[in-house]
Amino acid sequence: MCLALGPSFLIHPQGHAGDSSAIMDFRNPDLARQMRIVNDDVMGGRSDSRFLNDPEGVIFEGMVSLENNGGFASVRCPVSFAQDASGLQLTTRGDGKQYQLIIRTEASTRAPIYKSNFVSSKDWKTHQFTSEDFDAAFRGRPVDAKPLVFSEALEFGLLIADKQAGPFRLQLRQLQTI
């Protein structure tokens, strides 16, 4: 059984070659069609970002600007995790800056998101996350919400914020459930 994410991308709940985890392989160039950019320009800011296909994984890069009360850049993608997902592993390499892994469980833009910080490394690194690693937030502020359940995820994203002005670059290899 496969879960479809749009016309061309699949998450395989049964995994690959006996692996019981679901994998989003960012080396797949079709995945970029599912990704979308959301930057602070939605609120008047001036940050800019883009994502690029690369044989080693999608590159999310750009410039964070604090002008006009801005200060964030993000990329988002639809996702669906298996019922038994107890954690996530995200494999990245980057510029040494702090990023947030974002999980959205409701389609409404008025609903909270779940976020967990990680610091990128210049070498490939696999970051592990459990539901306890995520805090609920709305527009960057903490809120009370029920605990994150990975199988309720509709979208995942990556965000750079927290007054980290200047250029950034993060490469994604895969997102895997555990």
N, C-alpha and C. Protein backbone atom coordinates (compact mmCIF):
# COMPACT_ATOMS: atom_id res chain seq x y z
N MET A 1 0.84 -1.18 0.00
CA MET A 1 0.00 0.00 0.00
C MET A 1 0.88 1.24 0.00
N CYS A 2 0.54 2.24 -0.83
CA CYS A 2 1.27 3.50 -0.86
C CYS A 2 0.29 4.63 -0.60
N LEU A 3 0.74 5.68 0.06
CA LEU A 3 -0.06 6.87 0.29
C LEU A 3 0.38 7.90 -0.73
N ALA A 4 -0.54 8.42 -1.51
CA ALA A 4 -0.19 9.38 -2.54
C ALA A 4 -0.11 10.78 -1.96
N LEU A 5 0.89 11.51 -2.39
CA LEU A 5 1.03 12.93 -2.06
C LEU A 5 1.07 13.67 -3.37
N GLY A 6 -0.06 14.06 -3.88
CA GLY A 6 -0.09 14.73 -5.16
C GLY A 6 0.11 13.74 -6.28
N PRO A 7 0.30 14.25 -7.50
CA PRO A 7 0.34 13.38 -8.66
C PRO A 7 1.59 12.54 -8.81
N SER A 8 2.68 12.91 -8.15
CA SER A 8 3.91 12.20 -8.50
C SER A 8 4.75 11.71 -7.33
N PHE A 9 4.35 11.96 -6.10
CA PHE A 9 5.20 11.59 -4.98
C PHE A 9 4.48 10.61 -4.07
N LEU A 10 5.18 9.59 -3.63
CA LEU A 10 4.58 8.59 -2.75
C LEU A 10 5.41 8.41 -1.51
N ILE A 11 4.73 8.19 -0.39
CA ILE A 11 5.39 7.72 0.82
C ILE A 11 5.04 6.25 0.91
N HIS A 12 6.01 5.42 1.15
CA HIS A 12 5.80 3.99 1.23
C HIS A 12 5.75 3.55 2.69
N PRO A 13 4.54 3.33 3.27
CA PRO A 13 4.47 2.93 4.67
C PRO A 13 5.22 1.63 4.95
N GLN A 14 5.34 0.76 4.01
CA GLN A 14 6.06 -0.49 4.23
C GLN A 14 7.55 -0.33 3.98
N GLY A 15 7.96 0.88 3.54
CA GLY A 15 9.39 1.15 3.39
C GLY A 15 10.00 0.51 2.16
N HIS A 16 11.30 0.45 2.18
CA HIS A 16 12.07 -0.11 1.08
C HIS A 16 12.87 -1.30 1.58
N ALA A 17 12.90 -2.36 0.83
CA ALA A 17 13.73 -3.54 1.10
C ALA A 17 13.64 -3.99 2.56
N GLY A 18 12.41 -4.14 3.04
CA GLY A 18 12.23 -4.66 4.39
C GLY A 18 12.22 -3.61 5.48
N ASP A 19 12.48 -2.35 5.16
CA ASP A 19 12.46 -1.27 6.14
C ASP A 19 11.00 -0.97 6.47
N SER A 20 10.65 -0.88 7.76
CA SER A 20 9.26 -0.67 8.14
C SER A 20 8.90 0.80 8.23
N SER A 21 9.76 1.69 7.83
CA SER A 21 9.49 3.12 7.96
C SER A 21 9.09 3.73 6.62
N ALA A 22 8.41 4.89 6.70
CA ALA A 22 8.06 5.66 5.51
C ALA A 22 9.21 6.61 5.20
N ILE A 23 9.45 6.82 3.92
CA ILE A 23 10.57 7.67 3.54
C ILE A 23 10.13 8.69 2.50
N MET A 24 10.52 9.95 2.72
CA MET A 24 10.43 10.98 1.69
C MET A 24 11.86 11.19 1.22
N ASP A 25 12.16 10.80 0.01
CA ASP A 25 13.51 10.89 -0.53
C ASP A 25 13.61 12.18 -1.34
N PHE A 26 14.33 13.18 -0.81
CA PHE A 26 14.45 14.48 -1.45
C PHE A 26 15.41 14.46 -2.63
N ARG A 27 16.01 13.32 -2.93
CA ARG A 27 16.80 13.19 -4.16
C ARG A 27 15.89 12.99 -5.35
N ASN A 28 14.62 12.70 -5.12
CA ASN A 28 13.62 12.53 -6.16
C ASN A 28 13.22 13.91 -6.69
N PRO A 29 13.56 14.26 -7.94
CA PRO A 29 13.25 15.60 -8.45
C PRO A 29 11.76 15.91 -8.52
N ASP A 30 10.91 14.90 -8.56
CA ASP A 30 9.46 15.14 -8.60
C ASP A 30 8.94 15.73 -7.28
N LEU A 31 9.66 15.53 -6.20
CA LEU A 31 9.21 16.04 -4.91
C LEU A 31 9.12 17.56 -4.91
N ALA A 32 9.98 18.23 -5.65
CA ALA A 32 9.97 19.70 -5.68
C ALA A 32 8.63 20.25 -6.15
N ARG A 33 7.90 19.51 -6.95
CA ARG A 33 6.58 19.97 -7.40
C ARG A 33 5.59 20.08 -6.25
N GLN A 34 5.84 19.36 -5.17
CA GLN A 34 4.93 19.37 -4.03
C GLN A 34 5.30 20.46 -3.01
N MET A 35 6.47 21.05 -3.16
CA MET A 35 6.96 22.01 -2.17
C MET A 35 6.53 23.43 -2.54
N ARG A 36 6.31 24.24 -1.48
CA ARG A 36 5.98 25.65 -1.73
C ARG A 36 6.69 26.52 -0.70
N ILE A 37 7.03 27.70 -1.12
CA ILE A 37 7.73 28.67 -0.29
C ILE A 37 6.70 29.56 0.42
N VAL A 38 6.94 29.83 1.70
CA VAL A 38 6.17 30.83 2.45
C VAL A 38 7.19 31.65 3.24
N ASN A 39 7.35 32.90 2.85
CA ASN A 39 8.31 33.79 3.51
C ASN A 39 7.57 34.92 4.22
N ASP A 40 8.33 35.76 4.91
CA ASP A 40 7.74 36.86 5.66
C ASP A 40 7.10 37.92 4.78
N ASP A 41 7.26 37.83 3.46
CA ASP A 41 6.61 38.82 2.59
C ASP A 41 5.09 38.74 2.68
N VAL A 42 4.56 37.64 3.22
CA VAL A 42 3.11 37.54 3.45
C VAL A 42 2.66 38.56 4.50
N MET A 43 3.63 39.12 5.26
CA MET A 43 3.32 40.12 6.29
C MET A 43 4.12 41.41 6.06
N GLY A 44 4.67 41.61 4.87
CA GLY A 44 5.40 42.83 4.56
C GLY A 44 6.90 42.72 4.68
N GLY A 45 7.43 41.58 5.10
CA GLY A 45 8.87 41.41 5.23
C GLY A 45 9.56 41.32 3.88
N ARG A 46 10.89 41.19 3.92
CA ARG A 46 11.67 41.19 2.68
C ARG A 46 12.57 39.97 2.51
N SER A 47 12.34 38.93 3.29
CA SER A 47 13.15 37.71 3.14
C SER A 47 12.82 37.05 1.82
N ASP A 48 13.78 36.28 1.32
CA ASP A 48 13.63 35.62 0.02
C ASP A 48 14.21 34.22 0.12
N SER A 49 13.54 33.24 -0.47
CA SER A 49 14.09 31.88 -0.47
C SER A 49 13.62 31.14 -1.71
N ARG A 50 14.27 30.02 -1.94
CA ARG A 50 13.93 29.15 -3.07
C ARG A 50 14.39 27.74 -2.72
N PHE A 51 13.94 26.78 -3.49
CA PHE A 51 14.46 25.43 -3.35
C PHE A 51 14.87 24.95 -4.73
N LEU A 52 15.94 24.18 -4.74
CA LEU A 52 16.53 23.71 -5.99
C LEU A 52 16.72 22.21 -5.93
N ASN A 53 16.47 21.54 -7.04
CA ASN A 53 16.76 20.11 -7.12
C ASN A 53 18.26 19.90 -7.21
N ASP A 54 18.73 18.84 -6.59
CA ASP A 54 20.13 18.46 -6.62
C ASP A 54 20.17 16.94 -6.49
N PRO A 55 21.09 16.25 -7.17
CA PRO A 55 21.14 14.80 -7.07
C PRO A 55 21.32 14.28 -5.64
N GLU A 56 21.88 15.11 -4.74
CA GLU A 56 22.07 14.67 -3.36
C GLU A 56 20.92 15.08 -2.44
N GLY A 57 19.95 15.85 -2.94
CA GLY A 57 18.81 16.26 -2.15
C GLY A 57 18.44 17.71 -2.40
N VAL A 58 17.20 18.05 -2.16
CA VAL A 58 16.68 19.40 -2.39
C VAL A 58 17.46 20.41 -1.55
N ILE A 59 17.75 21.55 -2.15
CA ILE A 59 18.44 22.64 -1.45
C ILE A 59 17.43 23.75 -1.18
N PHE A 60 17.32 24.15 0.08
CA PHE A 60 16.49 25.28 0.51
C PHE A 60 17.46 26.39 0.89
N GLU A 61 17.42 27.50 0.14
CA GLU A 61 18.39 28.56 0.38
C GLU A 61 17.76 29.92 0.14
N GLY A 62 18.44 30.94 0.64
CA GLY A 62 17.96 32.30 0.43
C GLY A 62 18.60 33.28 1.38
N MET A 63 17.84 34.34 1.67
CA MET A 63 18.32 35.44 2.50
C MET A 63 17.20 35.84 3.46
N VAL A 64 17.51 35.82 4.75
CA VAL A 64 16.56 36.29 5.76
C VAL A 64 16.85 37.77 6.01
N SER A 65 15.82 38.58 5.92
CA SER A 65 15.92 40.01 6.15
C SER A 65 15.05 40.39 7.35
N LEU A 66 15.55 41.28 8.16
CA LEU A 66 14.78 41.77 9.31
C LEU A 66 14.05 43.07 8.96
N GLU A 67 14.18 43.55 7.73
CA GLU A 67 13.50 44.78 7.30
C GLU A 67 11.98 44.61 7.36
N ASN A 68 11.30 45.71 7.64
CA ASN A 68 9.82 45.74 7.68
C ASN A 68 9.25 44.71 8.65
N ASN A 69 9.93 44.50 9.77
CA ASN A 69 9.49 43.53 10.79
C ASN A 69 9.46 42.11 10.28
N GLY A 70 10.29 41.82 9.29
CA GLY A 70 10.38 40.46 8.75
C GLY A 70 11.32 39.61 9.57
N GLY A 71 11.70 38.49 9.01
CA GLY A 71 12.68 37.67 9.70
C GLY A 71 12.48 36.18 9.58
N PHE A 72 11.73 35.69 8.57
CA PHE A 72 11.65 34.24 8.41
C PHE A 72 11.49 33.85 6.94
N ALA A 73 11.93 32.64 6.66
CA ALA A 73 11.74 32.01 5.36
C ALA A 73 11.39 30.55 5.63
N SER A 74 10.49 30.00 4.82
CA SER A 74 10.10 28.61 5.04
C SER A 74 9.73 27.92 3.73
N VAL A 75 9.77 26.60 3.80
CA VAL A 75 9.32 25.75 2.71
C VAL A 75 8.38 24.72 3.32
N ARG A 76 7.32 24.36 2.60
CA ARG A 76 6.32 23.42 3.11
C ARG A 76 5.99 22.38 2.05
N CYS A 77 5.53 21.22 2.54
CA CYS A 77 5.23 20.10 1.63
C CYS A 77 4.15 19.23 2.26
N PRO A 78 3.17 18.75 1.47
CA PRO A 78 2.18 17.82 2.02
C PRO A 78 2.86 16.53 2.47
N VAL A 79 2.30 15.91 3.51
CA VAL A 79 2.88 14.69 4.04
C VAL A 79 1.78 13.84 4.67
N SER A 80 2.03 12.57 4.77
CA SER A 80 1.14 11.64 5.45
C SER A 80 2.00 10.55 6.06
N PHE A 81 1.84 10.33 7.37
CA PHE A 81 2.63 9.33 8.07
C PHE A 81 1.74 8.17 8.50
N ALA A 82 2.32 6.99 8.64
CA ALA A 82 1.61 5.79 9.06
C ALA A 82 1.10 5.94 10.49
N GLN A 83 0.06 5.19 10.80
CA GLN A 83 -0.55 5.21 12.14
C GLN A 83 0.45 4.90 13.25
N ASP A 84 1.41 4.04 12.97
CA ASP A 84 2.34 3.61 14.02
C ASP A 84 3.62 4.43 14.09
N ALA A 85 3.67 5.58 13.40
CA ALA A 85 4.88 6.41 13.43
C ALA A 85 5.09 6.96 14.84
N SER A 86 6.25 6.66 15.42
CA SER A 86 6.55 7.12 16.77
C SER A 86 7.62 8.20 16.79
N GLY A 87 8.21 8.50 15.65
CA GLY A 87 9.23 9.52 15.58
C GLY A 87 9.62 9.81 14.15
N LEU A 88 10.48 10.80 13.98
CA LEU A 88 10.95 11.19 12.66
C LEU A 88 12.46 11.28 12.67
N GLN A 89 13.04 11.02 11.51
CA GLN A 89 14.46 11.24 11.28
C GLN A 89 14.57 12.11 10.04
N LEU A 90 15.28 13.22 10.16
CA LEU A 90 15.48 14.14 9.05
C LEU A 90 16.97 14.23 8.78
N THR A 91 17.38 13.91 7.56
CA THR A 91 18.79 13.95 7.19
C THR A 91 19.06 15.21 6.39
N THR A 92 19.97 16.05 6.92
CA THR A 92 20.29 17.35 6.31
C THR A 92 21.78 17.62 6.37
N ARG A 93 22.18 18.62 5.62
CA ARG A 93 23.47 19.27 5.82
C ARG A 93 23.26 20.74 5.50
N GLY A 94 24.05 21.58 6.14
CA GLY A 94 23.79 23.00 5.94
C GLY A 94 24.90 23.90 6.40
N ASP A 95 24.50 25.03 6.92
CA ASP A 95 25.39 26.14 7.20
C ASP A 95 25.67 26.37 8.69
N GLY A 96 25.23 25.45 9.54
CA GLY A 96 25.45 25.60 10.97
C GLY A 96 24.42 26.46 11.67
N LYS A 97 23.39 26.91 10.95
CA LYS A 97 22.35 27.73 11.56
C LYS A 97 21.26 26.86 12.16
N GLN A 98 20.44 27.48 13.01
CA GLN A 98 19.31 26.77 13.63
C GLN A 98 18.08 26.87 12.73
N TYR A 99 17.42 25.76 12.55
CA TYR A 99 16.19 25.67 11.76
C TYR A 99 15.10 25.05 12.63
N GLN A 100 13.88 25.11 12.14
CA GLN A 100 12.77 24.45 12.81
C GLN A 100 12.13 23.47 11.85
N LEU A 101 11.88 22.26 12.34
CA LEU A 101 11.05 21.30 11.63
C LEU A 101 9.63 21.59 12.08
N ILE A 102 8.73 21.81 11.14
CA ILE A 102 7.36 22.20 11.42
C ILE A 102 6.43 21.08 10.96
N ILE A 103 5.44 20.76 11.80
CA ILE A 103 4.40 19.80 11.43
C ILE A 103 3.04 20.50 11.60
N ARG A 104 2.23 20.45 10.57
CA ARG A 104 0.87 21.00 10.63
C ARG A 104 -0.10 19.83 10.61
N THR A 105 -1.06 19.83 11.54
CA THR A 105 -2.03 18.74 11.63
C THR A 105 -3.44 19.17 11.25
N GLU A 106 -3.64 20.46 11.00
CA GLU A 106 -4.95 20.96 10.58
C GLU A 106 -4.75 21.87 9.38
N ALA A 107 -5.72 21.87 8.48
CA ALA A 107 -5.62 22.66 7.27
C ALA A 107 -5.81 24.15 7.53
N SER A 108 -6.51 24.51 8.58
CA SER A 108 -6.79 25.91 8.88
C SER A 108 -5.52 26.69 9.19
N THR A 109 -5.41 27.89 8.65
CA THR A 109 -4.28 28.75 8.96
C THR A 109 -4.40 29.35 10.36
N ARG A 110 -5.52 29.15 11.02
CA ARG A 110 -5.72 29.62 12.40
C ARG A 110 -5.38 28.54 13.43
N ALA A 111 -5.00 27.37 12.96
CA ALA A 111 -4.66 26.27 13.86
C ALA A 111 -3.18 26.36 14.24
N PRO A 112 -2.83 25.87 15.41
CA PRO A 112 -1.41 25.86 15.80
C PRO A 112 -0.61 24.88 14.94
N ILE A 113 0.68 25.09 14.91
CA ILE A 113 1.62 24.17 14.29
C ILE A 113 2.48 23.59 15.40
N TYR A 114 3.23 22.56 15.07
CA TYR A 114 4.16 21.96 16.02
C TYR A 114 5.56 22.18 15.47
N LYS A 115 6.48 22.64 16.33
CA LYS A 115 7.83 22.96 15.86
C LYS A 115 8.88 22.38 16.79
N SER A 116 10.00 22.01 16.18
CA SER A 116 11.15 21.52 16.93
C SER A 116 12.42 22.06 16.29
N ASN A 117 13.31 22.62 17.09
CA ASN A 117 14.55 23.20 16.59
C ASN A 117 15.63 22.15 16.36
N PHE A 118 16.48 22.41 15.38
CA PHE A 118 17.68 21.62 15.17
C PHE A 118 18.74 22.53 14.54
N VAL A 119 20.00 22.19 14.73
CA VAL A 119 21.10 22.95 14.17
C VAL A 119 21.71 22.13 13.04
N SER A 120 21.84 22.76 11.90
CA SER A 120 22.40 22.06 10.74
C SER A 120 23.92 21.92 10.89
N SER A 121 24.45 20.97 10.15
CA SER A 121 25.87 20.67 10.19
C SER A 121 26.41 20.73 8.76
N LYS A 122 27.68 21.04 8.61
CA LYS A 122 28.28 21.08 7.27
C LYS A 122 28.37 19.69 6.63
N ASP A 123 28.33 18.65 7.44
CA ASP A 123 28.30 17.27 6.95
C ASP A 123 26.88 16.74 7.09
N TRP A 124 26.56 15.68 6.33
CA TRP A 124 25.25 15.06 6.46
C TRP A 124 25.04 14.61 7.90
N LYS A 125 23.87 14.93 8.45
CA LYS A 125 23.54 14.55 9.81
C LYS A 125 22.07 14.15 9.86
N THR A 126 21.77 13.08 10.60
CA THR A 126 20.39 12.65 10.78
C THR A 126 19.92 13.12 12.15
N HIS A 127 18.90 13.97 12.14
CA HIS A 127 18.30 14.52 13.36
C HIS A 127 17.09 13.65 13.72
N GLN A 128 16.98 13.27 14.97
CA GLN A 128 15.86 12.43 15.42
C GLN A 128 14.90 13.26 16.26
N PHE A 129 13.61 13.03 16.05
CA PHE A 129 12.57 13.77 16.75
C PHE A 129 11.50 12.80 17.25
N THR A 130 11.07 12.98 18.49
CA THR A 130 9.89 12.31 19.01
C THR A 130 8.80 13.37 19.17
N SER A 131 7.59 12.96 19.42
CA SER A 131 6.51 13.94 19.57
C SER A 131 6.78 14.89 20.74
N GLU A 132 7.49 14.41 21.76
CA GLU A 132 7.80 15.26 22.92
C GLU A 132 8.77 16.38 22.57
N ASP A 133 9.47 16.27 21.45
CA ASP A 133 10.42 17.31 21.03
C ASP A 133 9.73 18.52 20.40
N PHE A 134 8.44 18.41 20.12
CA PHE A 134 7.70 19.47 19.42
C PHE A 134 6.87 20.30 20.40
N ASP A 135 6.91 21.61 20.19
CA ASP A 135 6.08 22.54 20.95
C ASP A 135 5.04 23.12 20.02
N ALA A 136 3.82 23.31 20.54
CA ALA A 136 2.76 23.94 19.76
C ALA A 136 2.97 25.45 19.74
N ALA A 137 2.69 26.06 18.59
CA ALA A 137 2.84 27.50 18.45
C ALA A 137 1.83 28.03 17.43
N PHE A 138 1.53 29.31 17.56
CA PHE A 138 0.71 30.00 16.59
C PHE A 138 1.39 31.32 16.29
N ARG A 139 1.76 31.53 15.02
CA ARG A 139 2.48 32.73 14.59
C ARG A 139 3.71 33.01 15.46
N GLY A 140 4.43 31.94 15.76
CA GLY A 140 5.68 32.06 16.49
C GLY A 140 5.57 32.12 18.00
N ARG A 141 4.36 32.13 18.52
CA ARG A 141 4.17 32.21 19.97
C ARG A 141 3.65 30.88 20.51
N PRO A 142 4.16 30.46 21.68
CA PRO A 142 3.69 29.20 22.28
C PRO A 142 2.19 29.25 22.59
N VAL A 143 1.52 28.11 22.37
CA VAL A 143 0.10 27.97 22.71
C VAL A 143 -0.13 26.61 23.34
N ASP A 144 -1.21 26.49 24.08
CA ASP A 144 -1.62 25.19 24.61
C ASP A 144 -2.32 24.42 23.50
N ALA A 145 -1.94 23.18 23.32
CA ALA A 145 -2.56 22.32 22.31
C ALA A 145 -2.33 20.88 22.74
N LYS A 146 -3.11 19.98 22.17
CA LYS A 146 -2.90 18.57 22.48
C LYS A 146 -1.54 18.13 21.96
N PRO A 147 -0.97 17.07 22.51
CA PRO A 147 0.34 16.60 22.03
C PRO A 147 0.29 16.20 20.55
N LEU A 148 1.42 16.33 19.89
CA LEU A 148 1.53 15.97 18.48
C LEU A 148 1.38 14.47 18.30
N VAL A 149 0.58 14.09 17.31
CA VAL A 149 0.44 12.70 16.88
C VAL A 149 0.87 12.69 15.41
N PHE A 150 1.97 12.01 15.11
CA PHE A 150 2.54 12.06 13.76
C PHE A 150 1.55 11.61 12.68
N SER A 151 0.71 10.64 12.96
CA SER A 151 -0.23 10.15 11.94
C SER A 151 -1.29 11.20 11.58
N GLU A 152 -1.41 12.27 12.35
CA GLU A 152 -2.36 13.34 12.04
C GLU A 152 -1.74 14.43 11.16
N ALA A 153 -0.46 14.30 10.83
CA ALA A 153 0.24 15.32 10.04
C ALA A 153 -0.34 15.45 8.64
N LEU A 154 -0.51 16.69 8.20
CA LEU A 154 -0.95 17.00 6.85
C LEU A 154 0.17 17.64 6.03
N GLU A 155 1.08 18.31 6.74
CA GLU A 155 2.12 19.06 6.07
C GLU A 155 3.35 19.11 6.98
N PHE A 156 4.51 19.08 6.38
CA PHE A 156 5.73 19.34 7.13
C PHE A 156 6.41 20.53 6.48
N GLY A 157 7.23 21.19 7.25
CA GLY A 157 7.94 22.33 6.72
C GLY A 157 9.25 22.55 7.44
N LEU A 158 10.04 23.42 6.87
CA LEU A 158 11.30 23.86 7.47
C LEU A 158 11.28 25.37 7.49
N LEU A 159 11.75 25.94 8.59
CA LEU A 159 11.70 27.37 8.78
C LEU A 159 13.02 27.84 9.37
N ILE A 160 13.48 28.99 8.89
CA ILE A 160 14.60 29.67 9.52
C ILE A 160 14.07 31.02 9.98
N ALA A 161 14.33 31.36 11.25
CA ALA A 161 13.80 32.59 11.85
C ALA A 161 14.72 33.02 12.98
N ASP A 162 14.12 33.50 14.06
CA ASP A 162 14.85 33.87 15.29
C ASP A 162 15.97 34.86 15.04
N LYS A 163 15.68 35.87 14.21
CA LYS A 163 16.61 36.97 13.95
C LYS A 163 17.95 36.52 13.35
N GLN A 164 17.94 35.44 12.57
CA GLN A 164 19.15 34.96 11.89
C GLN A 164 19.25 35.61 10.51
N ALA A 165 19.49 36.92 10.50
CA ALA A 165 19.57 37.67 9.25
C ALA A 165 20.76 37.21 8.43
N GLY A 166 20.57 37.25 7.12
CA GLY A 166 21.66 36.92 6.20
C GLY A 166 21.36 35.68 5.38
N PRO A 167 22.36 35.25 4.60
CA PRO A 167 22.15 34.09 3.73
C PRO A 167 22.04 32.79 4.53
N PHE A 168 21.32 31.84 3.97
CA PHE A 168 21.20 30.51 4.58
C PHE A 168 21.15 29.47 3.48
N ARG A 169 21.49 28.24 3.86
CA ARG A 169 21.46 27.12 2.90
C ARG A 169 21.32 25.82 3.68
N LEU A 170 20.27 25.07 3.38
CA LEU A 170 20.02 23.78 4.02
C LEU A 170 19.67 22.78 2.93
N GLN A 171 20.35 21.64 2.93
CA GLN A 171 20.07 20.59 1.95
C GLN A 171 19.39 19.43 2.66
N LEU A 172 18.35 18.90 2.04
CA LEU A 172 17.55 17.81 2.60
C LEU A 172 17.78 16.54 1.81
N ARG A 173 18.09 15.45 2.51
CA ARG A 173 18.23 14.16 1.83
C ARG A 173 16.98 13.31 2.02
N GLN A 174 16.51 13.15 3.26
CA GLN A 174 15.30 12.36 3.46
C GLN A 174 14.64 12.68 4.79
N LEU A 175 13.33 12.42 4.83
CA LEU A 175 12.52 12.48 6.04
C LEU A 175 11.93 11.08 6.19
N GLN A 176 12.15 10.47 7.33
CA GLN A 176 11.79 9.07 7.54
C GLN A 176 11.07 8.93 8.88
N THR A 177 10.03 8.11 8.92
CA THR A 177 9.38 7.80 10.18
C THR A 177 10.09 6.64 10.86
N ILE A 178 9.99 6.60 12.18
CA ILE A 178 10.55 5.49 12.96
C ILE A 178 9.49 4.98 13.89
